Amino acid sequence: MFPRKSGVKLPHLKSTAAMPPVRLGVPAEVIIPMSMSIGKPAVPTVKPKDHVNVGTLIAESAGPVSAPIHSGVSGTVKKVDTILSSNGSYCQAVVIESDGLQTVDEGIRPPVVTDYASFIEAVRNSGIVGLGGAGFPTAVKLDVKDTSKIEYLILNGAECEPFITSDNRTMLDTPDDIKEGVRLFEKYLDVKKIIIGIEGNKPEAIKKMTEVFADDAGVTVKTLPESYPQGGEKVLIYTTTGRVVPAGKLPLDVGCVVVNVTTIATIARYVKTGMPLVEKCVTVDGTAVKKPQNVIAPIGTPVSELLKFCEADEEAIGKVLYGGPMMGIAIPDPDTAPVLKTTNGITVLNEKDGYKPEATQCIHCGRCALHCPMNLSPLEISRAYENKNVELIRDLRVDICFECGTCSYVCPARRPLVEINKLSKVLVRELNAKEKQKEAEKK
């Protein structure tokens, strides 16, 4: 199984590409989940009635793969509650009533960065996770010990989902932050080769990045094919370097580290100012939005506030998604669902576009396999899932599916193939856990 130059051609729909972000007013209340990244949820360090300011630490890391969380508003902690996440799980959340003043925490100051170890510590303290949507704690990704293994730093500027343009605006509006982030990686991770991958449908960003890095011979700006999902990590590595990340391996195993362009810009701003990750630029667009915009909002802002700001048509709304229409996750209640660290877009679809068509019988056309960027066979996985043949599901390598949704998109029978892949992964994890437990009991 390996990535290939496949995928699909999607409608561009980037109506906000030329719109610099605008700042949302301070919300009356923010709901900040303790689980906003891959790994263990953070542990709250505040309690009801505590006063916090912008940048105040409100939750600390719960282990090696975790990330601290900071307040994006000044105000008073109302409660530490349990909320239902859009993925169906429950997690703790710190609810803060804003005082509207946006007073900055007096402890905010630039970190002292002098070497690799202090750079990694700074990234860890910033609370930054993968801001392209994956949410992997960035400090964990960069903590490679032996930096000589890193041959390529690949900056992901593909932004291949329809509607979303927040990364595009980062490249156009704050290119100096990206350049400073690259300088930090060159200095502290000793990276010599940097590739910035941008889809060809973003000519302004390609031009801007080429101009900004014209004096750095180590940086190459590569125009990517306009084919979804170019932003998938393994697909991006293959497209930019020709290298294949084997199943079960990491990008570092083939000498690559992939970082989103907004992530590296945010790292640079933290090193310069000491302000941790407390706000996000979010593209709000879709067929039920009257005034699409890129909006800067504190993390924890209820999604409903962004919908009002962008004049979403409440009567026309059929579905609201975190992210884009391909990989987005449905939001059941915009009033209680907040902007997360990983929220780069909110897609608001009307009834017609948000309607899920009824699936029919598979016609064995093979389109799902033909277009899968990971060369998987969703049809065979679906059959194995229906038969509960978990060993076969595992053999079909469903674990390397990154849930891009291409299979479901091209299926003429409208079968929920990507959802079946997700459920299949759960079965495989359960099987692996049982086998591991049996092995442990034998010893």
Protein backbone atom coordinates (compact mmCIF):
# COMPACT_ATOMS: atom_id res chain seq x y z
CA MET A 1 0.00 0.00 0.00
CA PHE A 2 1.42 3.39 -0.92
CA PRO A 3 0.34 6.93 -1.81
CA ARG A 4 -0.13 7.65 -5.46
CA LYS A 5 -1.01 10.58 -7.68
CA SER A 6 -4.72 9.92 -7.59
CA GLY A 7 -7.56 11.59 -5.75
CA VAL A 8 -10.28 13.71 -7.34
CA LYS A 9 -10.85 17.12 -8.87
CA LEU A 10 -13.09 19.15 -6.57
CA PRO A 11 -14.88 22.46 -7.05
CA HIS A 12 -12.61 25.26 -5.85
CA LEU A 13 -15.23 27.38 -4.00
CA LYS A 14 -12.60 29.63 -2.39
CA SER A 15 -14.72 32.78 -2.28
CA THR A 16 -12.83 34.13 0.75
CA ALA A 17 -9.34 33.71 -0.74
CA ALA A 18 -8.94 37.47 -1.27
CA MET A 19 -10.45 38.43 2.09
CA PRO A 20 -8.02 39.33 4.90
CA PRO A 21 -9.33 38.09 8.24
CA VAL A 22 -11.52 40.27 10.44
CA ARG A 23 -11.59 40.07 14.21
CA LEU A 24 -14.73 38.92 15.98
CA GLY A 25 -15.82 40.87 19.04
CA VAL A 26 -15.06 39.34 22.43
CA PRO A 27 -17.68 36.66 23.15
CA ALA A 28 -19.61 36.84 26.41
CA GLU A 29 -18.56 33.29 27.24
CA VAL A 30 -16.08 30.75 25.96
CA ILE A 31 -16.22 26.96 26.28
CA ILE A 32 -12.71 25.52 26.16
CA PRO A 33 -12.53 21.71 25.87
CA MET A 34 -9.65 19.90 27.51
CA SER A 35 -9.39 17.58 24.51
CA MET A 36 -8.34 19.53 21.41
CA SER A 37 -5.47 17.41 20.18
CA ILE A 38 -4.39 13.84 19.60
CA GLY A 39 -3.34 12.29 22.90
CA LYS A 40 -4.50 12.65 26.48
CA PRO A 41 -6.83 15.51 27.42
CA ALA A 42 -5.23 18.34 29.34
CA VAL A 43 -5.86 18.63 33.09
CA PRO A 44 -7.58 21.82 34.33
CA THR A 45 -5.50 24.02 36.62
CA VAL A 46 -8.31 26.46 37.40
CA LYS A 47 -11.55 26.24 39.37
CA PRO A 48 -14.81 28.17 39.44
CA LYS A 49 -14.49 31.87 40.44
CA ASP A 50 -10.82 32.01 39.46
CA HIS A 51 -9.88 35.09 37.44
CA VAL A 52 -7.93 34.54 34.22
CA ASN A 53 -6.41 36.79 31.60
CA VAL A 54 -5.52 36.33 27.95
CA GLY A 55 -2.71 33.79 27.85
CA THR A 56 -3.28 32.42 31.37
CA LEU A 57 -2.57 28.68 31.66
CA ILE A 58 -5.89 26.97 32.41
CA ALA A 59 -4.88 23.34 31.81
CA GLU A 60 -1.58 21.48 31.81
CA SER A 61 -0.38 18.55 29.74
CA ALA A 62 -1.49 15.16 30.99
CA GLY A 63 1.45 13.22 29.60
CA PRO A 64 4.04 13.04 26.83
CA VAL A 65 1.40 13.23 24.08
CA SER A 66 -0.72 16.11 25.29
CA ALA A 67 -0.73 19.90 25.10
CA PRO A 68 -1.35 22.69 27.62
CA ILE A 69 -4.29 25.06 27.12
CA HIS A 70 -4.49 28.80 27.72
CA SER A 71 -7.35 31.27 27.98
CA GLY A 72 -8.16 33.46 24.99
CA VAL A 73 -10.21 35.93 27.05
CA SER A 74 -9.93 37.72 30.36
CA GLY A 75 -12.69 37.04 32.85
CA THR A 76 -13.91 34.61 35.49
CA VAL A 77 -14.08 30.83 35.40
CA LYS A 78 -17.77 29.99 35.55
CA LYS A 79 -17.46 26.23 35.83
CA VAL A 80 -15.50 23.16 34.85
CA ASP A 81 -18.10 21.15 33.00
CA THR A 82 -18.46 17.95 30.97
CA ILE A 83 -19.49 18.46 27.36
CA LEU A 84 -20.37 16.24 24.43
CA SER A 85 -17.82 16.57 21.62
CA SER A 86 -18.79 16.42 17.96
CA ASN A 87 -17.09 13.00 17.71
CA GLY A 88 -19.55 11.58 20.23
CA SER A 89 -17.21 11.43 23.22
CA TYR A 90 -17.45 13.37 26.47
CA CYS A 91 -14.67 15.56 27.81
CA GLN A 92 -14.10 18.24 30.42
CA ALA A 93 -14.34 21.88 29.45
CA VAL A 94 -13.50 25.12 31.23
CA VAL A 95 -16.27 27.71 30.81
CA ILE A 96 -15.14 31.32 31.22
CA GLU A 97 -17.30 34.44 31.46
CA SER A 98 -15.49 37.22 29.65
CA ASP A 99 -15.13 40.69 31.17
CA GLY A 100 -14.63 42.16 27.71
CA LEU A 101 -11.34 43.80 28.66
CA GLN A 102 -8.93 41.31 27.06
CA THR A 103 -6.32 41.99 29.74
CA VAL A 104 -3.09 40.15 28.93
CA ASP A 105 -1.61 37.88 31.59
CA GLU A 106 1.30 39.65 33.27
CA GLY A 107 3.42 36.52 32.92
CA ILE A 108 3.40 36.66 29.13
CA ARG A 109 6.94 37.18 27.86
CA PRO A 110 9.04 35.71 25.06
CA PRO A 111 10.64 32.36 25.96
CA VAL A 112 14.39 32.10 26.21
CA VAL A 113 15.46 29.95 23.26
CA THR A 114 19.16 29.21 22.93
CA ASP A 115 19.37 25.64 21.65
CA TYR A 116 17.35 22.67 20.39
CA ALA A 117 16.13 21.61 23.86
CA SER A 118 14.89 25.08 24.80
CA PHE A 119 13.22 25.44 21.39
CA ILE A 120 11.27 22.20 21.87
CA GLU A 121 10.34 23.30 25.39
CA ALA A 122 9.07 26.61 24.04
CA VAL A 123 6.92 24.84 21.44
CA ARG A 124 5.59 22.55 24.15
CA ASN A 125 4.68 25.46 26.45
CA SER A 126 2.96 27.32 23.62
CA GLY A 127 0.19 24.74 23.45
CA ILE A 128 0.54 24.57 19.68
CA VAL A 129 -0.80 21.50 17.88
CA GLY A 130 -1.10 20.74 14.18
CA LEU A 131 -3.29 23.60 12.99
CA GLY A 132 -4.15 22.08 9.64
CA GLY A 133 -6.71 19.89 11.39
CA ALA A 134 -4.76 16.83 12.53
CA GLY A 135 -4.09 18.20 16.01
CA PHE A 136 -0.92 16.27 16.83
CA PRO A 137 1.03 18.12 19.56
CA THR A 138 3.77 19.90 17.60
CA ALA A 139 6.43 19.58 20.29
CA VAL A 140 6.07 15.79 20.18
CA LYS A 141 6.46 15.79 16.39
CA LEU A 142 9.63 17.92 16.59
CA ASP A 143 11.21 16.10 19.53
CA VAL A 144 13.24 13.73 17.35
CA LYS A 145 16.41 13.66 19.48
CA ASP A 146 18.65 12.98 16.45
CA THR A 147 17.97 15.93 14.15
CA SER A 148 20.35 14.53 11.53
CA LYS A 149 17.50 12.21 10.54
CA ILE A 150 15.54 15.19 9.20
CA GLU A 151 16.38 15.65 5.53
CA TYR A 152 13.30 17.61 4.53
CA LEU A 153 11.03 20.06 6.29
CA ILE A 154 7.81 20.16 4.26
CA LEU A 155 5.46 23.07 4.87
CA ASN A 156 1.88 22.17 4.07
CA GLY A 157 0.17 25.02 2.25
CA ALA A 158 -2.02 22.79 0.10
CA GLU A 159 -5.34 23.63 1.78
CA CYS A 160 -7.13 21.32 -0.63
CA GLU A 161 -10.61 21.29 0.98
CA PRO A 162 -13.24 23.42 -0.76
CA PHE A 163 -14.22 26.71 0.94
CA ILE A 164 -11.36 26.92 3.47
CA THR A 165 -8.78 29.72 2.91
CA SER A 166 -7.32 30.43 6.38
CA ASP A 167 -3.90 28.94 5.52
CA ASN A 168 -3.90 30.88 2.26
CA ARG A 169 -4.40 34.07 4.27
CA THR A 170 -1.50 33.12 6.56
CA MET A 171 0.78 32.92 3.51
CA LEU A 172 -0.48 36.23 2.14
CA ASP A 173 -0.91 38.25 5.35
CA THR A 174 1.88 37.04 7.66
CA PRO A 175 4.62 35.69 5.37
CA ASP A 176 7.32 37.11 7.64
CA ASP A 177 6.12 34.87 10.46
CA ILE A 178 6.47 31.85 8.18
CA LYS A 179 9.96 33.00 7.22
CA GLU A 180 10.94 33.48 10.87
CA GLY A 181 9.53 30.02 11.67
CA VAL A 182 11.66 28.51 8.91
CA ARG A 183 14.70 30.33 10.30
CA LEU A 184 14.05 28.79 13.72
CA PHE A 185 13.83 25.30 12.21
CA GLU A 186 17.01 25.87 10.19
CA LYS A 187 18.83 27.03 13.30
CA TYR A 188 17.61 24.64 15.99
CA LEU A 189 16.68 21.52 14.01
CA ASP A 190 19.52 21.98 11.51
CA VAL A 191 17.17 21.53 8.56
CA LYS A 192 18.85 22.16 5.21
CA LYS A 193 16.07 21.40 2.72
CA ILE A 194 12.67 23.05 3.04
CA ILE A 195 9.81 22.55 0.59
CA ILE A 196 6.67 24.66 0.70
CA GLY A 197 3.88 22.76 -1.06
CA ILE A 198 1.01 24.87 -2.39
CA GLU A 199 -1.76 23.82 -4.76
CA GLY A 200 -1.64 25.51 -8.14
CA ASN A 201 -5.01 27.18 -7.55
CA LYS A 202 -3.34 29.61 -5.12
CA PRO A 203 -1.10 31.65 -7.49
CA GLU A 204 -0.94 34.64 -5.14
CA ALA A 205 0.37 32.50 -2.28
CA ILE A 206 2.88 30.79 -4.56
CA LYS A 207 4.12 34.16 -5.74
CA LYS A 208 4.33 35.58 -2.20
CA MET A 209 6.24 32.60 -0.79
CA THR A 210 8.62 32.62 -3.77
CA GLU A 211 9.36 36.32 -3.19
CA VAL A 212 9.77 35.96 0.59
CA PHE A 213 12.23 33.07 0.29
CA ALA A 214 14.10 34.32 -2.76
CA ASP A 215 17.21 34.86 -0.61
CA ASP A 216 17.15 31.37 0.97
CA ALA A 217 18.64 28.75 -1.32
CA GLY A 218 17.46 25.99 1.01
CA VAL A 219 13.79 26.73 0.41
CA THR A 220 11.84 25.49 -2.61
CA VAL A 221 8.27 26.51 -3.35
CA LYS A 222 6.60 23.60 -5.13
CA THR A 223 3.34 23.93 -7.03
CA LEU A 224 1.15 20.93 -6.25
CA PRO A 225 -1.42 19.39 -8.59
CA GLU A 226 -4.95 20.70 -8.13
CA SER A 227 -6.20 17.33 -6.98
CA TYR A 228 -7.72 16.45 -3.63
CA PRO A 229 -6.29 15.34 -1.15
CA GLN A 230 -2.90 16.98 -1.76
CA GLY A 231 -2.79 18.09 1.87
CA GLY A 232 -2.73 14.54 3.26
CA GLU A 233 0.63 14.12 4.99
CA LYS A 234 1.75 10.98 3.16
CA VAL A 235 0.39 12.24 -0.15
CA LEU A 236 2.25 15.54 0.31
CA ILE A 237 5.51 13.75 1.08
CA TYR A 238 5.14 11.61 -2.03
CA THR A 239 4.24 14.57 -4.25
CA THR A 240 7.08 16.80 -3.02
CA THR A 241 9.90 14.30 -2.52
CA GLY A 242 8.85 11.09 -4.28
CA ARG A 243 9.33 9.22 -1.01
CA VAL A 244 6.84 6.67 0.31
CA VAL A 245 6.05 6.38 4.02
CA PRO A 246 5.61 2.62 4.61
CA ALA A 247 2.52 1.38 6.43
CA GLY A 248 2.99 1.68 10.17
CA LYS A 249 5.90 4.10 9.81
CA LEU A 250 6.21 7.83 10.40
CA PRO A 251 7.36 10.62 8.05
CA LEU A 252 10.62 10.80 10.00
CA ASP A 253 11.37 7.24 8.92
CA VAL A 254 11.81 8.60 5.39
CA GLY A 255 13.64 11.72 6.53
CA CYS A 256 10.68 14.11 6.49
CA VAL A 257 8.88 16.37 8.94
CA VAL A 258 5.62 17.96 7.79
CA VAL A 259 4.34 21.15 9.40
CA ASN A 260 1.33 23.23 8.43
CA VAL A 261 2.14 26.81 7.31
CA THR A 262 -0.09 28.33 10.00
CA THR A 263 1.52 26.10 12.63
CA ILE A 264 5.04 27.30 11.82
CA ALA A 265 3.88 30.93 11.71
CA THR A 266 2.26 30.53 15.14
CA ILE A 267 5.47 29.04 16.55
CA ALA A 268 7.39 32.07 15.31
CA ARG A 269 4.90 34.47 16.91
CA TYR A 270 5.13 32.62 20.23
CA VAL A 271 8.92 32.76 20.26
CA LYS A 272 8.74 36.47 19.44
CA THR A 273 5.95 37.51 21.83
CA GLY A 274 5.39 34.74 24.35
CA MET A 275 1.66 34.68 23.60
CA PRO A 276 0.54 31.03 23.43
CA LEU A 277 -2.09 29.62 21.10
CA VAL A 278 -5.29 31.36 22.21
CA GLU A 279 -7.10 32.26 18.97
CA LYS A 280 -7.71 30.93 15.48
CA CYS A 281 -8.38 32.30 12.03
CA VAL A 282 -11.47 30.42 10.83
CA THR A 283 -13.00 30.45 7.35
CA VAL A 284 -16.78 30.62 7.62
CA ASP A 285 -18.36 29.79 4.26
CA GLY A 286 -20.86 27.52 2.57
CA THR A 287 -24.14 27.54 0.73
CA ALA A 288 -26.09 28.86 3.74
CA VAL A 289 -23.72 31.78 4.51
CA LYS A 290 -24.67 35.23 3.25
CA LYS A 291 -21.40 36.95 4.20
CA PRO A 292 -18.47 34.49 3.95
CA GLN A 293 -15.38 35.70 5.80
CA ASN A 294 -12.13 34.70 7.46
CA VAL A 295 -12.71 35.40 11.14
CA ILE A 296 -10.22 35.62 14.01
CA ALA A 297 -11.86 34.37 17.21
CA PRO A 298 -10.69 33.26 20.67
CA ILE A 299 -10.49 29.50 21.07
CA GLY A 300 -13.66 28.44 22.86
CA THR A 301 -15.94 30.90 21.08
CA PRO A 302 -19.32 29.23 20.39
CA VAL A 303 -19.65 28.44 16.69
CA SER A 304 -23.04 30.17 16.71
CA GLU A 305 -21.25 33.49 17.27
CA LEU A 306 -19.33 33.04 14.02
CA LEU A 307 -22.51 32.04 12.18
CA LYS A 308 -24.23 35.23 13.32
CA PHE A 309 -21.21 37.34 12.42
CA CYS A 310 -21.17 35.92 8.91
CA GLU A 311 -24.94 36.13 8.54
CA ALA A 312 -25.68 32.45 8.11
CA ASP A 313 -29.29 31.90 7.08
CA GLU A 314 -30.72 30.02 10.07
CA GLU A 315 -33.81 28.90 8.19
CA ALA A 316 -31.75 27.51 5.31
CA ILE A 317 -29.11 25.64 7.35
CA GLY A 318 -29.07 21.92 6.74
CA LYS A 319 -25.72 21.04 8.27
CA VAL A 320 -22.82 22.78 10.01
CA LEU A 321 -19.36 21.22 9.84
CA TYR A 322 -16.05 21.59 11.60
CA GLY A 323 -13.71 21.84 8.60
CA GLY A 324 -14.60 21.35 4.95
CA PRO A 325 -17.20 19.23 3.16
CA MET A 326 -14.81 16.32 2.52
CA MET A 327 -13.34 15.61 5.97
CA GLY A 328 -15.56 17.82 8.08
CA ILE A 329 -17.38 16.57 11.18
CA ALA A 330 -21.00 17.57 11.74
CA ILE A 331 -21.73 19.95 14.61
CA PRO A 332 -24.96 18.97 16.40
CA ASP A 333 -25.40 22.26 18.28
CA PRO A 334 -23.49 25.43 17.24
CA ASP A 335 -24.48 27.09 20.54
CA THR A 336 -22.43 24.64 22.60
CA ALA A 337 -19.78 23.62 20.04
CA PRO A 338 -16.73 25.91 20.36
CA VAL A 339 -13.89 26.98 18.11
CA LEU A 340 -11.09 24.48 18.75
CA LYS A 341 -7.34 24.66 18.29
CA THR A 342 -7.79 22.61 15.13
CA THR A 343 -10.70 24.62 13.70
CA ASN A 344 -9.56 26.17 10.44
CA GLY A 345 -13.00 26.34 8.88
CA ILE A 346 -16.71 26.18 9.57
CA THR A 347 -18.73 25.02 6.56
CA VAL A 348 -22.43 25.82 6.63
CA LEU A 349 -24.49 23.91 4.07
CA ASN A 350 -28.09 24.48 3.07
CA GLU A 351 -30.74 21.75 3.23
CA LYS A 352 -30.04 20.57 -0.30
CA ASP A 353 -26.26 20.32 0.07
CA GLY A 354 -26.41 19.05 3.66
CA TYR A 355 -28.77 16.21 2.83
CA LYS A 356 -27.26 12.75 3.01
CA PRO A 357 -28.55 10.66 0.09
CA GLU A 358 -29.77 7.13 0.69
CA ALA A 359 -27.19 4.47 -0.10
CA THR A 360 -27.98 1.82 -2.69
CA GLN A 361 -26.34 -1.47 -3.60
CA CYS A 362 -22.71 -1.44 -4.70
CA ILE A 363 -22.42 -1.70 -8.50
CA HIS A 364 -18.79 -2.85 -8.39
CA CYS A 365 -17.55 0.03 -10.53
CA GLY A 366 -14.20 0.16 -8.72
CA ARG A 367 -14.11 3.96 -8.48
CA CYS A 368 -13.39 3.90 -4.75
CA ALA A 369 -10.21 1.86 -5.29
CA LEU A 370 -9.24 3.78 -8.44
CA HIS A 371 -9.30 7.16 -6.68
CA CYS A 372 -8.02 6.18 -3.22
CA PRO A 373 -4.73 8.07 -2.68
CA MET A 374 -3.49 5.28 -0.39
CA ASN A 375 -4.23 2.53 -2.94
CA LEU A 376 -6.73 0.82 -0.63
CA SER A 377 -9.83 -1.14 -1.61
CA PRO A 378 -12.78 0.40 0.27
CA LEU A 379 -15.13 -2.12 -1.35
CA GLU A 380 -13.25 -5.09 0.13
CA ILE A 381 -12.99 -3.36 3.50
CA SER A 382 -16.74 -2.73 3.42
CA ARG A 383 -17.45 -6.39 2.69
CA ALA A 384 -15.15 -7.54 5.46
CA TYR A 385 -16.82 -5.09 7.86
CA GLU A 386 -20.29 -6.37 6.99
CA ASN A 387 -19.08 -9.92 7.63
CA LYS A 388 -17.28 -8.83 10.83
CA ASN A 389 -14.07 -10.39 9.49
CA VAL A 390 -11.74 -8.22 11.53
CA GLU A 391 -8.59 -10.17 10.60
CA LEU A 392 -9.28 -9.48 6.93
CA ILE A 393 -10.01 -5.84 7.65
CA ARG A 394 -6.60 -5.61 9.28
CA ASP A 395 -4.93 -7.37 6.37
CA LEU A 396 -6.53 -4.84 4.02
CA ARG A 397 -4.63 -2.13 5.93
CA VAL A 398 -7.56 0.07 6.88
CA ASP A 399 -5.23 1.56 9.49
CA ILE A 400 -3.44 3.66 6.84
CA CYS A 401 -6.68 5.25 5.63
CA PHE A 402 -6.55 8.92 6.64
CA GLU A 403 -10.28 9.39 6.09
CA CYS A 404 -10.07 11.90 3.25
CA GLY A 405 -13.55 10.94 2.04
CA THR A 406 -12.56 10.46 -1.60
CA CYS A 407 -14.12 6.99 -1.75
CA SER A 408 -17.50 8.21 -0.55
CA TYR A 409 -17.32 11.23 -2.87
CA VAL A 410 -16.83 9.18 -6.04
CA CYS A 411 -19.24 6.34 -5.14
CA PRO A 412 -22.27 6.46 -7.49
CA ALA A 413 -24.21 4.30 -5.02
CA ARG A 414 -23.58 6.86 -2.26
CA ARG A 415 -22.33 4.19 0.11
CA PRO A 416 -20.85 5.48 3.40
CA LEU A 417 -17.41 4.05 2.69
CA VAL A 418 -15.33 6.46 4.76
CA GLU A 419 -17.65 5.96 7.75
CA ILE A 420 -17.22 2.19 7.38
CA ASN A 421 -13.45 2.67 7.34
CA LYS A 422 -13.65 4.64 10.57
CA LEU A 423 -15.74 1.96 12.26
CA SER A 424 -13.43 -0.73 10.89
CA LYS A 425 -10.46 0.94 12.54
CA VAL A 426 -12.20 0.63 15.89
CA LEU A 427 -12.65 -3.10 15.39
CA VAL A 428 -8.99 -3.51 14.43
CA ARG A 429 -7.85 -1.57 17.50
CA GLU A 430 -10.01 -3.76 19.71
CA LEU A 431 -8.60 -6.91 18.11
CA ASN A 432 -5.03 -5.68 18.51
CA ALA A 433 -5.68 -4.85 22.16
CA LYS A 434 -7.12 -8.33 22.82
CA GLU A 435 -4.17 -10.04 21.15
CA LYS A 436 -1.74 -7.89 23.09
CA GLN A 437 -3.48 -8.76 26.34
CA LYS A 438 -3.36 -12.48 25.54
CA GLU A 439 0.37 -12.23 24.82
CA ALA A 440 0.91 -10.45 28.13
CA GLU A 441 -1.03 -13.15 29.99
CA LYS A 442 1.20 -15.86 28.51
CA LYS A 443 4.32 -14.28 29.98
